[in-house]
Amino acid sequence: MMNFGYNGILGVLVLIGDIWAVINIFQSSASNEKKLIWIIAVVLLPVLGLVLWLFLGPRDRGA
């Protein structure tokens, strides 16, 4: 049986959050350059990139 402790659960949650962020970045109305920069940030810095995107990322106003 696998030893799947808190670190594994935290890793899975971060992975789910990153996948969610990348999907939302693709669906945003930001320019392709900004989308690319945000995706690189989220992929290379999973936790920090996700937090930065949540607070500073592009928002679709009216949606």
PDB file of N, CA and C in Angstrom:
ATOM      1  N   MET A   1       0.843  -1.181   0.000  1.00  0.00           N
ATOM      2  CA  MET A   1       0.000   0.000   0.000  1.00  0.00           C
ATOM      3  C   MET A   1       0.886   1.243   0.000  1.00  0.00           C
ATOM      4  N   MET A   2       0.471   2.244  -0.750  1.00  0.00           N
ATOM      5  CA  MET A   2       1.262   3.472  -0.845  1.00  0.00           C
ATOM      6  C   MET A   2       1.097   4.313   0.405  1.00  0.00           C
ATOM      7  N   ASN A   3       2.199   4.948   0.817  1.00  0.00           N
ATOM      8  CA  ASN A   3       2.152   5.887   1.928  1.00  0.00           C
ATOM      9  C   ASN A   3       1.807   7.255   1.356  1.00  0.00           C
ATOM     10  N   PHE A   4       0.551   7.616   1.406  1.00  0.00           N
ATOM     11  CA  PHE A   4       0.049   8.840   0.786  1.00  0.00           C
ATOM     12  C   PHE A   4      -0.355   9.795   1.892  1.00  0.00           C
ATOM     13  N   GLY A   5       0.641  10.524   2.449  1.00  0.00           N
ATOM     14  CA  GLY A   5       0.383  11.407   3.581  1.00  0.00           C
ATOM     15  C   GLY A   5      -0.046  12.794   3.152  1.00  0.00           C
ATOM     16  N   TYR A   6       0.148  13.735   4.051  1.00  0.00           N
ATOM     17  CA  TYR A   6      -0.278  15.111   3.802  1.00  0.00           C
ATOM     18  C   TYR A   6       0.486  15.750   2.648  1.00  0.00           C
ATOM     19  N   ASN A   7       1.764  15.410   2.482  1.00  0.00           N
ATOM     20  CA  ASN A   7       2.528  15.987   1.376  1.00  0.00           C
ATOM     21  C   ASN A   7       1.950  15.556   0.040  1.00  0.00           C
ATOM     22  N   GLY A   8       1.537  14.309  -0.071  1.00  0.00           N
ATOM     23  CA  GLY A   8       0.937  13.837  -1.314  1.00  0.00           C
ATOM     24  C   GLY A   8      -0.386  14.511  -1.594  1.00  0.00           C
ATOM     25  N   ILE A   9      -1.197  14.677  -0.575  1.00  0.00           N
ATOM     26  CA  ILE A   9      -2.490  15.343  -0.735  1.00  0.00           C
ATOM     27  C   ILE A   9      -2.285  16.801  -1.130  1.00  0.00           C
ATOM     28  N   LEU A  10      -1.333  17.466  -0.488  1.00  0.00           N
ATOM     29  CA  LEU A  10      -1.034  18.860  -0.815  1.00  0.00           C
ATOM     30  C   LEU A  10      -0.545  18.979  -2.254  1.00  0.00           C
ATOM     31  N   GLY A  11       0.287  18.043  -2.693  1.00  0.00           N
ATOM     32  CA  GLY A  11       0.772  18.052  -4.064  1.00  0.00           C
ATOM     33  C   GLY A  11      -0.347  17.885  -5.072  1.00  0.00           C
ATOM     34  N   VAL A  12      -1.284  16.994  -4.775  1.00  0.00           N
ATOM     35  CA  VAL A  12      -2.425  16.777  -5.672  1.00  0.00           C
ATOM     36  C   VAL A  12      -3.294  18.033  -5.728  1.00  0.00           C
ATOM     37  N   LEU A  13      -3.502  18.695  -4.595  1.00  0.00           N
ATOM     38  CA  LEU A  13      -4.300  19.922  -4.575  1.00  0.00           C
ATOM     39  C   LEU A  13      -3.636  21.032  -5.384  1.00  0.00           C
ATOM     40  N   VAL A  14      -2.310  21.152  -5.268  1.00  0.00           N
ATOM     41  CA  VAL A  14      -1.587  22.149  -6.054  1.00  0.00           C
ATOM     42  C   VAL A  14      -1.691  21.827  -7.544  1.00  0.00           C
ATOM     43  N   LEU A  15      -1.559  20.562  -7.892  1.00  0.00           N
ATOM     44  CA  LEU A  15      -1.680  20.148  -9.289  1.00  0.00           C
ATOM     45  C   LEU A  15      -3.061  20.478  -9.845  1.00  0.00           C
ATOM     46  N   ILE A  16      -4.104  20.178  -9.087  1.00  0.00           N
ATOM     47  CA  ILE A  16      -5.467  20.495  -9.515  1.00  0.00           C
ATOM     48  C   ILE A  16      -5.639  22.003  -9.683  1.00  0.00           C
ATOM     49  N   GLY A  17      -5.111  22.774  -8.734  1.00  0.00           N
ATOM     50  CA  GLY A  17      -5.192  24.234  -8.827  1.00  0.00           C
ATOM     51  C   GLY A  17      -4.459  24.772 -10.039  1.00  0.00           C
ATOM     52  N   ASP A  18      -3.295  24.203 -10.337  1.00  0.00           N
ATOM     53  CA  ASP A  18      -2.532  24.649 -11.501  1.00  0.00           C
ATOM     54  C   ASP A  18      -3.249  24.317 -12.801  1.00  0.00           C
ATOM     55  N   ILE A  19      -3.824  23.134 -12.886  1.00  0.00           N
ATOM     56  CA  ILE A  19      -4.571  22.758 -14.087  1.00  0.00           C
ATOM     57  C   ILE A  19      -5.767  23.688 -14.270  1.00  0.00           C
ATOM     58  N   TRP A  20      -6.451  23.983 -13.184  1.00  0.00           N
ATOM     59  CA  TRP A  20      -7.590  24.913 -13.220  1.00  0.00           C
ATOM     60  C   TRP A  20      -7.142  26.295 -13.687  1.00  0.00           C
ATOM     61  N   ALA A  21      -5.994  26.757 -13.175  1.00  0.00           N
ATOM     62  CA  ALA A  21      -5.482  28.073 -13.562  1.00  0.00           C
ATOM     63  C   ALA A  21      -5.130  28.113 -15.038  1.00  0.00           C
ATOM     64  N   VAL A  22      -4.462  27.081 -15.538  1.00  0.00           N
ATOM     65  CA  VAL A  22      -4.069  27.055 -16.953  1.00  0.00           C
ATOM     66  C   VAL A  22      -5.306  27.053 -17.853  1.00  0.00           C
ATOM     67  N   ILE A  23      -6.322  26.302 -17.479  1.00  0.00           N
ATOM     68  CA  ILE A  23      -7.561  26.286 -18.268  1.00  0.00           C
ATOM     69  C   ILE A  23      -8.194  27.671 -18.278  1.00  0.00           C
ATOM     70  N   ASN A  24      -8.231  28.323 -17.135  1.00  0.00           N
ATOM     71  CA  ASN A  24      -8.812  29.669 -17.068  1.00  0.00           C
ATOM     72  C   ASN A  24      -7.967  30.693 -17.807  1.00  0.00           C
ATOM     73  N   ILE A  25      -6.659  30.517 -17.799  1.00  0.00           N
ATOM     74  CA  ILE A  25      -5.794  31.426 -18.560  1.00  0.00           C
ATOM     75  C   ILE A  25      -6.095  31.288 -20.043  1.00  0.00           C
ATOM     76  N   PHE A  26      -6.213  30.048 -20.540  1.00  0.00           N
ATOM     77  CA  PHE A  26      -6.544  29.836 -21.947  1.00  0.00           C
ATOM     78  C   PHE A  26      -7.874  30.479 -22.312  1.00  0.00           C
ATOM     79  N   GLN A  27      -8.840  30.459 -21.422  1.00  0.00           N
ATOM     80  CA  GLN A  27     -10.173  30.967 -21.709  1.00  0.00           C
ATOM     81  C   GLN A  27     -10.298  32.479 -21.510  1.00  0.00           C
ATOM     82  N   SER A  28      -9.272  33.108 -20.963  1.00  0.00           N
ATOM     83  CA  SER A  28      -9.360  34.543 -20.706  1.00  0.00           C
ATOM     84  C   SER A  28      -9.240  35.324 -22.012  1.00  0.00           C
ATOM     85  N   SER A  29      -9.594  36.593 -21.955  1.00  0.00           N
ATOM     86  CA  SER A  29      -9.526  37.438 -23.141  1.00  0.00           C
ATOM     87  C   SER A  29      -8.213  38.198 -23.224  1.00  0.00           C
ATOM     88  N   ALA A  30      -7.229  37.822 -22.431  1.00  0.00           N
ATOM     89  CA  ALA A  30      -5.926  38.487 -22.461  1.00  0.00           C
ATOM     90  C   ALA A  30      -5.214  38.180 -23.772  1.00  0.00           C
ATOM     91  N   SER A  31      -4.204  38.974 -24.080  1.00  0.00           N
ATOM     92  CA  SER A  31      -3.441  38.745 -25.308  1.00  0.00           C
ATOM     93  C   SER A  31      -2.671  37.425 -25.194  1.00  0.00           C
ATOM     94  N   ASN A  32      -2.292  36.889 -26.339  1.00  0.00           N
ATOM     95  CA  ASN A  32      -1.572  35.616 -26.341  1.00  0.00           C
ATOM     96  C   ASN A  32      -0.242  35.700 -25.600  1.00  0.00           C
ATOM     97  N   GLU A  33       0.420  36.858 -25.666  1.00  0.00           N
ATOM     98  CA  GLU A  33       1.685  37.022 -24.969  1.00  0.00           C
ATOM     99  C   GLU A  33       1.487  36.946 -23.452  1.00  0.00           C
ATOM    100  N   LYS A  34       0.456  37.612 -22.971  1.00  0.00           N
ATOM    101  CA  LYS A  34       0.179  37.576 -21.528  1.00  0.00           C
ATOM    102  C   LYS A  34      -0.231  36.171 -21.087  1.00  0.00           C
ATOM    103  N   LYS A  35      -1.012  35.491 -21.918  1.00  0.00           N
ATOM    104  CA  LYS A  35      -1.399  34.119 -21.598  1.00  0.00           C
ATOM    105  C   LYS A  35      -0.162  33.239 -21.474  1.00  0.00           C
ATOM    106  N   LEU A  36       0.769  33.370 -22.418  1.00  0.00           N
ATOM    107  CA  LEU A  36       1.983  32.577 -22.403  1.00  0.00           C
ATOM    108  C   LEU A  36       2.805  32.852 -21.152  1.00  0.00           C
ATOM    109  N   ILE A  37       2.940  34.119 -20.787  1.00  0.00           N
ATOM    110  CA  ILE A  37       3.709  34.477 -19.591  1.00  0.00           C
ATOM    111  C   ILE A  37       3.073  33.874 -18.343  1.00  0.00           C
ATOM    112  N   TRP A  38       1.744  33.967 -18.221  1.00  0.00           N
ATOM    113  CA  TRP A  38       1.069  33.409 -17.047  1.00  0.00           C
ATOM    114  C   TRP A  38       1.178  31.889 -17.005  1.00  0.00           C
ATOM    115  N   ILE A  39       1.063  31.243 -18.147  1.00  0.00           N
ATOM    116  CA  ILE A  39       1.171  29.778 -18.165  1.00  0.00           C
ATOM    117  C   ILE A  39       2.572  29.345 -17.774  1.00  0.00           C
ATOM    118  N   ILE A  40       3.592  30.037 -18.268  1.00  0.00           N
ATOM    119  CA  ILE A  40       4.967  29.712 -17.890  1.00  0.00           C
ATOM    120  C   ILE A  40       5.161  29.908 -16.394  1.00  0.00           C
ATOM    121  N   ALA A  41       4.615  30.996 -15.848  1.00  0.00           N
ATOM    122  CA  ALA A  41       4.754  31.257 -14.413  1.00  0.00           C
ATOM    123  C   ALA A  41       4.083  30.158 -13.586  1.00  0.00           C
ATOM    124  N   VAL A  42       2.901  29.746 -13.983  1.00  0.00           N
ATOM    125  CA  VAL A  42       2.166  28.725 -13.227  1.00  0.00           C
ATOM    126  C   VAL A  42       2.852  27.363 -13.333  1.00  0.00           C
ATOM    127  N   VAL A  43       3.396  27.049 -14.512  1.00  0.00           N
ATOM    128  CA  VAL A  43       4.027  25.745 -14.701  1.00  0.00           C
ATOM    129  C   VAL A  43       5.382  25.675 -14.005  1.00  0.00           C
ATOM    130  N   LEU A  44       6.186  26.735 -14.111  1.00  0.00           N
ATOM    131  CA  LEU A  44       7.529  26.707 -13.524  1.00  0.00           C
ATOM    132  C   LEU A  44       7.534  26.962 -12.015  1.00  0.00           C
ATOM    133  N   LEU A  45       6.584  27.735 -11.538  1.00  0.00           N
ATOM    134  CA  LEU A  45       6.470  28.035 -10.109  1.00  0.00           C
ATOM    135  C   LEU A  45       5.064  27.650  -9.649  1.00  0.00           C
ATOM    136  N   PRO A  46       4.797  26.367  -9.444  1.00  0.00           N
ATOM    137  CA  PRO A  46       3.416  25.920  -9.242  1.00  0.00           C
ATOM    138  C   PRO A  46       2.656  26.640  -8.129  1.00  0.00           C
ATOM    139  N   VAL A  47       3.229  26.767  -6.959  1.00  0.00           N
ATOM    140  CA  VAL A  47       2.492  27.391  -5.852  1.00  0.00           C
ATOM    141  C   VAL A  47       2.508  28.909  -5.992  1.00  0.00           C
ATOM    142  N   LEU A  48       3.690  29.481  -6.171  1.00  0.00           N
ATOM    143  CA  LEU A  48       3.802  30.939  -6.282  1.00  0.00           C
ATOM    144  C   LEU A  48       3.085  31.450  -7.528  1.00  0.00           C
ATOM    145  N   GLY A  49       3.236  30.749  -8.650  1.00  0.00           N
ATOM    146  CA  GLY A  49       2.564  31.159  -9.873  1.00  0.00           C
ATOM    147  C   GLY A  49       1.054  31.138  -9.730  1.00  0.00           C
ATOM    148  N   LEU A  50       0.537  30.114  -9.061  1.00  0.00           N
ATOM    149  CA  LEU A  50      -0.908  30.019  -8.837  1.00  0.00           C
ATOM    150  C   LEU A  50      -1.402  31.165  -7.959  1.00  0.00           C
ATOM    151  N   VAL A  51      -0.687  31.453  -6.882  1.00  0.00           N
ATOM    152  CA  VAL A  51      -1.090  32.541  -5.976  1.00  0.00           C
ATOM    153  C   VAL A  51      -1.018  33.888  -6.693  1.00  0.00           C
ATOM    154  N   LEU A  52       0.061  34.119  -7.431  1.00  0.00           N
ATOM    155  CA  LEU A  52       0.187  35.378  -8.160  1.00  0.00           C
ATOM    156  C   LEU A  52      -0.930  35.520  -9.192  1.00  0.00           C
ATOM    157  N   TRP A  53      -1.236  34.426  -9.894  1.00  0.00           N
ATOM    158  CA  TRP A  53      -2.297  34.490 -10.891  1.00  0.00           C
ATOM    159  C   TRP A  53      -3.647  34.787 -10.234  1.00  0.00           C
ATOM    160  N   LEU A  54      -3.888  34.189  -9.073  1.00  0.00           N
ATOM    161  CA  LEU A  54      -5.166  34.434  -8.394  1.00  0.00           C
ATOM    162  C   LEU A  54      -5.357  35.908  -8.065  1.00  0.00           C
ATOM    163  N   PHE A  55      -4.275  36.585  -7.658  1.00  0.00           N
ATOM    164  CA  PHE A  55      -4.388  37.980  -7.250  1.00  0.00           C
ATOM    165  C   PHE A  55      -4.102  38.983  -8.371  1.00  0.00           C
ATOM    166  N   LEU A  56      -3.244  38.632  -9.322  1.00  0.00           N
ATOM    167  CA  LEU A  56      -2.813  39.590 -10.320  1.00  0.00           C
ATOM    168  C   LEU A  56      -3.191  39.225 -11.750  1.00  0.00           C
ATOM    169  N   GLY A  57      -3.724  38.033 -11.955  1.00  0.00           N
ATOM    170  CA  GLY A  57      -4.005  37.539 -13.299  1.00  0.00           C
ATOM    171  C   GLY A  57      -5.118  38.300 -13.989  1.00  0.00           C
ATOM    172  N   PRO A  58      -5.229  38.079 -15.294  1.00  0.00           N
ATOM    173  CA  PRO A  58      -6.270  38.767 -16.065  1.00  0.00           C
ATOM    174  C   PRO A  58      -7.670  38.354 -15.629  1.00  0.00           C
ATOM    175  N   ARG A  59      -8.543  39.300 -15.567  1.00  0.00           N
ATOM    176  CA  ARG A  59      -9.937  39.057 -15.181  1.00  0.00           C
ATOM    177  C   ARG A  59     -10.848  39.470 -16.319  1.00  0.00           C
ATOM    178  N   ASP A  60     -11.832  38.672 -16.576  1.00  0.00           N
ATOM    179  CA  ASP A  60     -12.848  39.049 -17.561  1.00  0.00           C
ATOM    180  C   ASP A  60     -13.951  39.805 -16.827  1.00  0.00           C
ATOM    181  N   ARG A  61     -13.986  41.107 -17.026  1.00  0.00           N
ATOM    182  CA  ARG A  61     -14.935  41.949 -16.284  1.00  0.00           C
ATOM    183  C   ARG A  61     -16.320  41.751 -16.858  1.00  0.00           C
ATOM    184  N   GLY A  62     -17.299  41.679 -16.792  1.00  0.00           N
ATOM    185  CA  GLY A  62     -18.561  41.520 -17.470  1.00  0.00           C
ATOM    186  C   GLY A  62     -19.001  40.079 -17.576  1.00  0.00           C
ATOM    187  N   ALA A  63     -18.158  39.128 -17.227  1.00  0.00           N
ATOM    188  CA  ALA A  63     -18.542  37.720 -17.349  1.00  0.00           C
ATOM    189  C   ALA A  63     -19.115  37.210 -16.059  1.00  0.00           C
TER     190      ALA A  63
END
